[in-house]
N, C-alpha and C. Protein backbone atom coordinates (compact mmCIF):
# COMPACT_ATOMS: atom_id res chain seq x y z
N MET A 1 -9.58 -6.61 -12.01
CA MET A 1 -8.42 -5.17 -11.34
C MET A 1 -6.93 -4.79 -12.32
N ILE A 2 -7.98 -3.98 -12.34
CA ILE A 2 -6.65 -2.50 -13.11
C ILE A 2 -5.69 -2.20 -12.90
N GLN A 3 -5.30 -1.83 -11.06
CA GLN A 3 -4.48 -1.13 -10.64
C GLN A 3 -3.33 -2.43 -10.14
N GLY A 4 -3.72 -3.85 -10.15
CA GLY A 4 -2.16 -4.91 -9.72
C GLY A 4 -3.10 -5.72 -8.92
N GLY A 5 -2.55 -6.95 -9.00
CA GLY A 5 -2.97 -8.26 -8.47
C GLY A 5 -2.83 -8.38 -7.02
N MET A 6 -3.26 -9.47 -6.17
CA MET A 6 -3.48 -9.61 -4.86
C MET A 6 -2.03 -9.28 -4.14
N GLY A 7 -1.84 -8.29 -2.87
CA GLY A 7 -1.10 -7.79 -2.32
C GLY A 7 -0.66 -6.63 -2.68
N ILE A 8 -1.21 -6.16 -3.73
CA ILE A 8 -0.26 -4.28 -3.88
C ILE A 8 -1.96 -3.69 -4.13
N ALA A 9 -2.66 -4.63 -4.71
CA ALA A 9 -4.48 -3.72 -4.57
C ALA A 9 -5.06 -3.30 -3.17
N ALA A 10 -5.15 -2.19 -3.58
CA ALA A 10 -6.17 -1.42 -1.94
C ALA A 10 -7.67 -1.69 -2.42
N GLY A 11 -8.67 -1.90 -1.50
CA GLY A 11 -9.73 -1.73 -1.80
C GLY A 11 -10.71 -0.99 -0.69
N GLY A 12 -11.73 -0.49 -0.92
CA GLY A 12 -12.54 0.33 -0.52
C GLY A 12 -14.07 0.09 -0.53
N ASN A 13 -14.74 0.00 0.57
CA ASN A 13 -16.53 -0.32 0.51
C ASN A 13 -16.91 0.28 1.21
N ILE A 14 -17.00 1.89 0.26
CA ILE A 14 -17.98 3.22 0.33
C ILE A 14 -19.05 2.88 0.74
N ASN A 15 -19.21 3.50 2.04
CA ASN A 15 -20.80 4.03 2.59
C ASN A 15 -20.91 5.83 2.71
N PRO A 16 -21.65 5.98 1.33
CA PRO A 16 -21.75 7.53 1.16
C PRO A 16 -22.69 7.97 2.85
N GLU A 17 -23.56 7.29 3.37
CA GLU A 17 -24.36 7.62 4.27
C GLU A 17 -23.88 7.34 5.70
N GLY A 18 -22.42 6.73 5.90
CA GLY A 18 -21.96 6.33 7.31
C GLY A 18 -20.66 5.87 6.81
N VAL A 19 -20.02 5.03 7.87
CA VAL A 19 -18.95 4.10 7.96
C VAL A 19 -18.56 3.05 6.88
N SER A 20 -17.58 3.92 6.12
CA SER A 20 -16.71 3.12 5.40
C SER A 20 -15.70 2.30 5.20
N MET A 21 -15.39 1.27 5.09
CA MET A 21 -14.14 0.48 5.02
C MET A 21 -13.30 0.09 3.97
N PHE A 22 -11.86 0.43 4.28
CA PHE A 22 -10.92 0.05 3.56
C PHE A 22 -10.02 -0.83 3.68
N GLU A 23 -9.20 -1.63 2.88
CA GLU A 23 -8.40 -3.01 3.27
C GLU A 23 -7.67 -3.10 2.35
N PRO A 24 -6.73 -3.64 2.45
CA PRO A 24 -5.85 -4.53 1.10
C PRO A 24 -6.32 -5.85 0.78
N ILE A 25 -6.49 -5.68 -0.74
CA ILE A 25 -6.83 -6.88 -1.59
C ILE A 25 -6.11 -8.04 -1.64
N GLY A 26 -6.04 -9.19 -0.63
CA GLY A 26 -5.08 -10.36 -0.53
C GLY A 26 -5.86 -11.57 -0.41
N GLY A 27 -4.60 -12.64 -0.02
CA GLY A 27 -5.10 -13.93 0.15
C GLY A 27 -4.76 -14.16 1.46
N SER A 28 -4.64 -15.64 1.23
CA SER A 28 -3.58 -16.39 2.57
C SER A 28 -2.31 -17.08 1.66
N ALA A 29 -1.76 -16.55 2.66
CA ALA A 29 0.29 -16.86 2.02
C ALA A 29 1.07 -17.36 3.12
N PRO A 30 0.47 -18.42 3.58
CA PRO A 30 0.76 -18.53 5.17
C PRO A 30 2.58 -19.19 5.10
N LYS A 31 3.01 -19.33 3.28
CA LYS A 31 4.52 -20.16 3.46
C LYS A 31 5.48 -18.24 3.56
N TYR A 32 4.71 -17.66 3.83
CA TYR A 32 5.17 -16.11 3.91
C TYR A 32 5.05 -15.58 5.59
N THR A 33 4.30 -16.23 6.22
CA THR A 33 4.39 -15.89 7.82
C THR A 33 5.79 -15.49 8.48
N GLY A 34 6.05 -14.59 9.08
CA GLY A 34 7.02 -14.55 9.68
C GLY A 34 7.98 -14.48 8.83
N LYS A 35 8.41 -14.28 7.75
CA LYS A 35 9.43 -13.76 6.80
C LYS A 35 10.17 -12.53 6.48
N ASN A 36 9.06 -11.40 6.94
CA ASN A 36 8.97 -9.90 6.48
C ASN A 36 9.13 -9.67 4.89
N VAL A 37 8.70 -10.27 4.01
CA VAL A 37 8.85 -10.50 2.69
C VAL A 37 7.46 -9.85 1.65
N ILE A 38 6.20 -9.95 2.37
CA ILE A 38 4.97 -9.31 1.72
C ILE A 38 5.04 -7.91 1.49
N ASN A 39 4.27 -7.79 0.38
CA ASN A 39 4.26 -6.26 -0.39
C ASN A 39 3.61 -5.39 0.39
N PRO A 40 3.95 -4.72 1.27
CA PRO A 40 2.85 -3.80 1.97
C PRO A 40 2.04 -2.87 1.20
N LEU A 41 2.42 -2.38 -0.26
CA LEU A 41 2.10 -1.60 -0.39
C LEU A 41 0.58 -1.36 -0.79
N ALA A 42 -0.07 -2.69 -0.59
CA ALA A 42 -1.99 -2.57 -0.63
C ALA A 42 -2.30 -1.91 0.62
N ALA A 43 -1.54 -2.55 2.04
CA ALA A 43 -2.33 -1.58 2.95
C ALA A 43 -1.91 -0.50 3.06
N ILE A 44 -0.83 0.01 2.77
CA ILE A 44 -0.50 1.52 2.90
C ILE A 44 -1.80 2.35 1.85
N CYS A 45 -1.61 1.82 0.88
CA CYS A 45 -2.90 2.80 -0.28
C CYS A 45 -4.09 2.09 0.24
N ALA A 46 -4.48 1.11 1.03
CA ALA A 46 -5.73 1.26 1.11
C ALA A 46 -6.05 2.44 2.44
N GLY A 47 -5.10 2.64 3.47
CA GLY A 47 -4.62 3.73 4.37
C GLY A 47 -5.06 5.43 3.17
N GLN A 48 -4.15 5.03 1.93
CA GLN A 48 -4.48 6.49 1.12
C GLN A 48 -5.50 7.01 1.11
N MET A 49 -6.31 5.91 0.30
CA MET A 49 -7.96 5.98 0.01
C MET A 49 -8.85 6.15 1.28
N MET A 50 -8.76 6.03 2.70
CA MET A 50 -9.33 6.36 3.86
C MET A 50 -9.30 7.59 3.98
N LEU A 51 -7.48 7.88 4.04
CA LEU A 51 -7.37 9.44 3.82
C LEU A 51 -8.18 10.52 3.14
N ALA A 52 -8.32 9.88 1.94
CA ALA A 52 -8.96 10.89 0.88
C ALA A 52 -10.53 10.98 0.85
N ASP A 53 -10.95 9.74 1.41
CA ASP A 53 -12.41 9.54 1.82
C ASP A 53 -12.82 10.55 2.27
N LEU A 54 -11.89 10.60 4.02
CA LEU A 54 -11.74 11.61 4.64
C LEU A 54 -11.79 13.12 4.53
N GLY A 55 -11.60 13.10 3.16
CA GLY A 55 -11.56 14.79 2.92
C GLY A 55 -9.68 15.16 3.11
N GLU A 56 -8.58 14.62 3.44
CA GLU A 56 -7.41 14.73 3.95
C GLU A 56 -6.93 14.66 2.74
N GLU A 57 -7.11 15.44 1.86
CA GLU A 57 -6.47 15.18 0.34
C GLU A 57 -4.69 15.71 0.64
N LYS A 58 -4.57 16.08 1.29
CA LYS A 58 -2.81 16.97 1.08
C LYS A 58 -2.07 15.55 1.57
N ALA A 59 -2.44 14.88 2.87
CA ALA A 59 -2.26 13.61 3.66
C ALA A 59 -2.06 12.50 2.19
N ALA A 60 -3.38 12.39 1.76
CA ALA A 60 -3.77 11.09 0.59
C ALA A 60 -2.41 11.66 -0.19
N ASP A 61 -2.41 12.90 -1.06
CA ASP A 61 -1.54 13.06 -2.07
C ASP A 61 -0.40 12.62 -1.51
N ALA A 62 0.33 12.89 -0.87
CA ALA A 62 1.54 12.92 -0.44
C ALA A 62 2.13 10.90 -0.28
N ILE A 63 1.07 10.44 0.32
CA ILE A 63 1.07 8.89 0.51
C ILE A 63 1.21 8.12 -1.24
N GLU A 64 0.04 8.60 -2.11
CA GLU A 64 0.09 8.60 -3.33
C GLU A 64 1.64 8.82 -4.06
N GLN A 65 1.82 9.74 -3.87
CA GLN A 65 3.31 10.38 -4.68
C GLN A 65 4.00 9.62 -3.83
N SER A 66 4.41 9.33 -2.71
CA SER A 66 5.60 8.36 -2.37
C SER A 66 5.53 7.14 -2.75
N VAL A 67 4.23 6.28 -2.30
CA VAL A 67 4.16 5.01 -3.15
C VAL A 67 4.45 4.85 -4.82
N MET A 68 4.62 5.88 -5.18
CA MET A 68 4.87 5.83 -7.15
C MET A 68 6.24 6.46 -6.94
N TYR A 69 6.74 7.01 -6.37
CA TYR A 69 8.15 7.00 -6.42
C TYR A 69 8.68 5.79 -5.88
N VAL A 70 8.20 5.08 -4.86
CA VAL A 70 9.20 4.02 -4.72
C VAL A 70 8.85 2.65 -5.27
N THR A 71 7.76 2.65 -6.03
CA THR A 71 7.58 1.87 -6.95
C THR A 71 8.32 1.98 -8.60
N ALA A 72 8.95 3.44 -8.57
CA ALA A 72 8.96 3.46 -10.17
C ALA A 72 11.06 3.18 -9.86
N ASN A 73 11.36 3.33 -8.65
CA ASN A 73 12.45 4.14 -8.47
C ASN A 73 13.30 3.40 -7.09
N LYS A 74 12.65 2.44 -6.40
CA LYS A 74 12.91 1.39 -5.51
C LYS A 74 12.92 -0.01 -5.92
N LEU A 75 11.88 -0.18 -5.93
CA LEU A 75 11.30 -1.52 -5.92
C LEU A 75 11.76 -2.27 -7.25
N LYS A 76 13.19 -3.93 -7.45
CA LYS A 76 13.24 -4.71 -8.03
C LYS A 76 11.95 -5.13 -8.74
N SER A 77 10.98 -5.27 -8.28
CA SER A 77 9.53 -6.18 -8.32
C SER A 77 8.36 -5.97 -7.23
N LEU A 78 7.55 -6.20 -7.46
CA LEU A 78 6.45 -5.98 -6.85
C LEU A 78 6.26 -7.02 -5.75
N ALA A 79 6.89 -8.13 -6.32
CA ALA A 79 5.93 -9.80 -6.18
C ALA A 79 6.89 -9.89 -4.99
N ALA A 80 6.37 -10.63 -3.50
CA ALA A 80 6.65 -10.86 -2.03
C ALA A 80 8.18 -12.06 -2.41
N GLY A 81 8.72 -10.82 -1.82
CA GLY A 81 10.49 -12.14 -1.68
C GLY A 81 10.83 -11.92 -2.68
N LYS A 82 10.65 -10.52 -3.69
CA LYS A 82 11.70 -10.37 -4.70
C LYS A 82 11.33 -8.39 -5.40
N MET A 83 11.06 -8.04 -4.10
CA MET A 83 11.45 -6.26 -4.12
C MET A 83 12.64 -6.48 -4.17
N GLY A 84 13.26 -6.74 -3.17
CA GLY A 84 14.84 -6.14 -3.44
C GLY A 84 14.82 -5.38 -1.58
N TYR A 85 13.74 -5.44 -1.09
CA TYR A 85 13.60 -4.71 0.33
C TYR A 85 12.95 -5.75 0.73
N SER A 86 12.70 -5.89 2.33
CA SER A 86 11.70 -6.44 3.35
C SER A 86 10.59 -5.77 3.09
N THR A 87 9.66 -6.30 3.88
CA THR A 87 8.33 -5.45 4.51
C THR A 87 8.26 -4.24 4.89
N SER A 88 8.73 -4.26 6.12
CA SER A 88 9.57 -3.32 6.75
C SER A 88 10.15 -1.89 6.53
N GLU A 89 11.23 -2.61 5.46
CA GLU A 89 12.39 -1.48 4.65
C GLU A 89 11.35 -1.10 3.92
N VAL A 90 10.29 -1.75 2.91
CA VAL A 90 9.82 -1.02 1.65
C VAL A 90 8.58 0.27 2.56
N GLY A 91 8.22 -0.54 3.44
CA GLY A 91 6.92 0.55 4.38
C GLY A 91 7.72 1.77 4.92
N ASP A 92 9.24 1.84 5.29
CA ASP A 92 9.74 2.55 5.25
C ASP A 92 10.56 3.82 4.37
N LEU A 93 10.82 3.05 3.49
CA LEU A 93 11.07 4.12 2.18
C LEU A 93 9.95 5.03 1.50
N VAL A 94 8.73 4.44 1.81
CA VAL A 94 7.28 5.24 1.75
C VAL A 94 7.27 6.28 2.97
N ALA A 95 7.55 5.97 4.11
CA ALA A 95 7.29 6.79 4.87
C ALA A 95 7.79 7.63 5.00
N GLY A 96 9.80 7.70 4.89
CA GLY A 96 10.61 8.16 4.13
C GLY A 96 10.18 9.52 3.42
N LYS A 97 9.49 9.24 2.44
CA LYS A 97 9.56 9.83 1.02
C LYS A 97 8.40 10.73 1.58
N VAL A 98 7.39 10.24 2.46
CA VAL A 98 5.97 11.08 2.78
C VAL A 98 6.69 12.33 3.73
N ALA A 99 7.73 11.88 4.61
CA ALA A 99 8.27 12.85 5.82
C ALA A 99 8.94 14.04 4.66
N GLU A 100 9.84 14.07 3.64
CA GLU A 100 10.31 14.78 2.80
C GLU A 100 9.30 15.94 2.60
């Protein structure tokens, strides 16, 4: 995993002849259930990969640039509970940057 560890890595099972599947790569973390501290960037980046695969390059690029901005300028860490923001706040930061 050269792009990150569990919780930040996005994955795609690409089927050039049909339906592909995109998902965040992660494991089980029941200790974080309901605490709003998990890093949502893997899920967001999986959506970005899906948009790119569907040919929605402008939308995919906007999300990618927003994630890069947020990780470089806003987050204290990529680790759960150490980002300096909640799960929903990180999602809002990315969405807000996409909307600019």
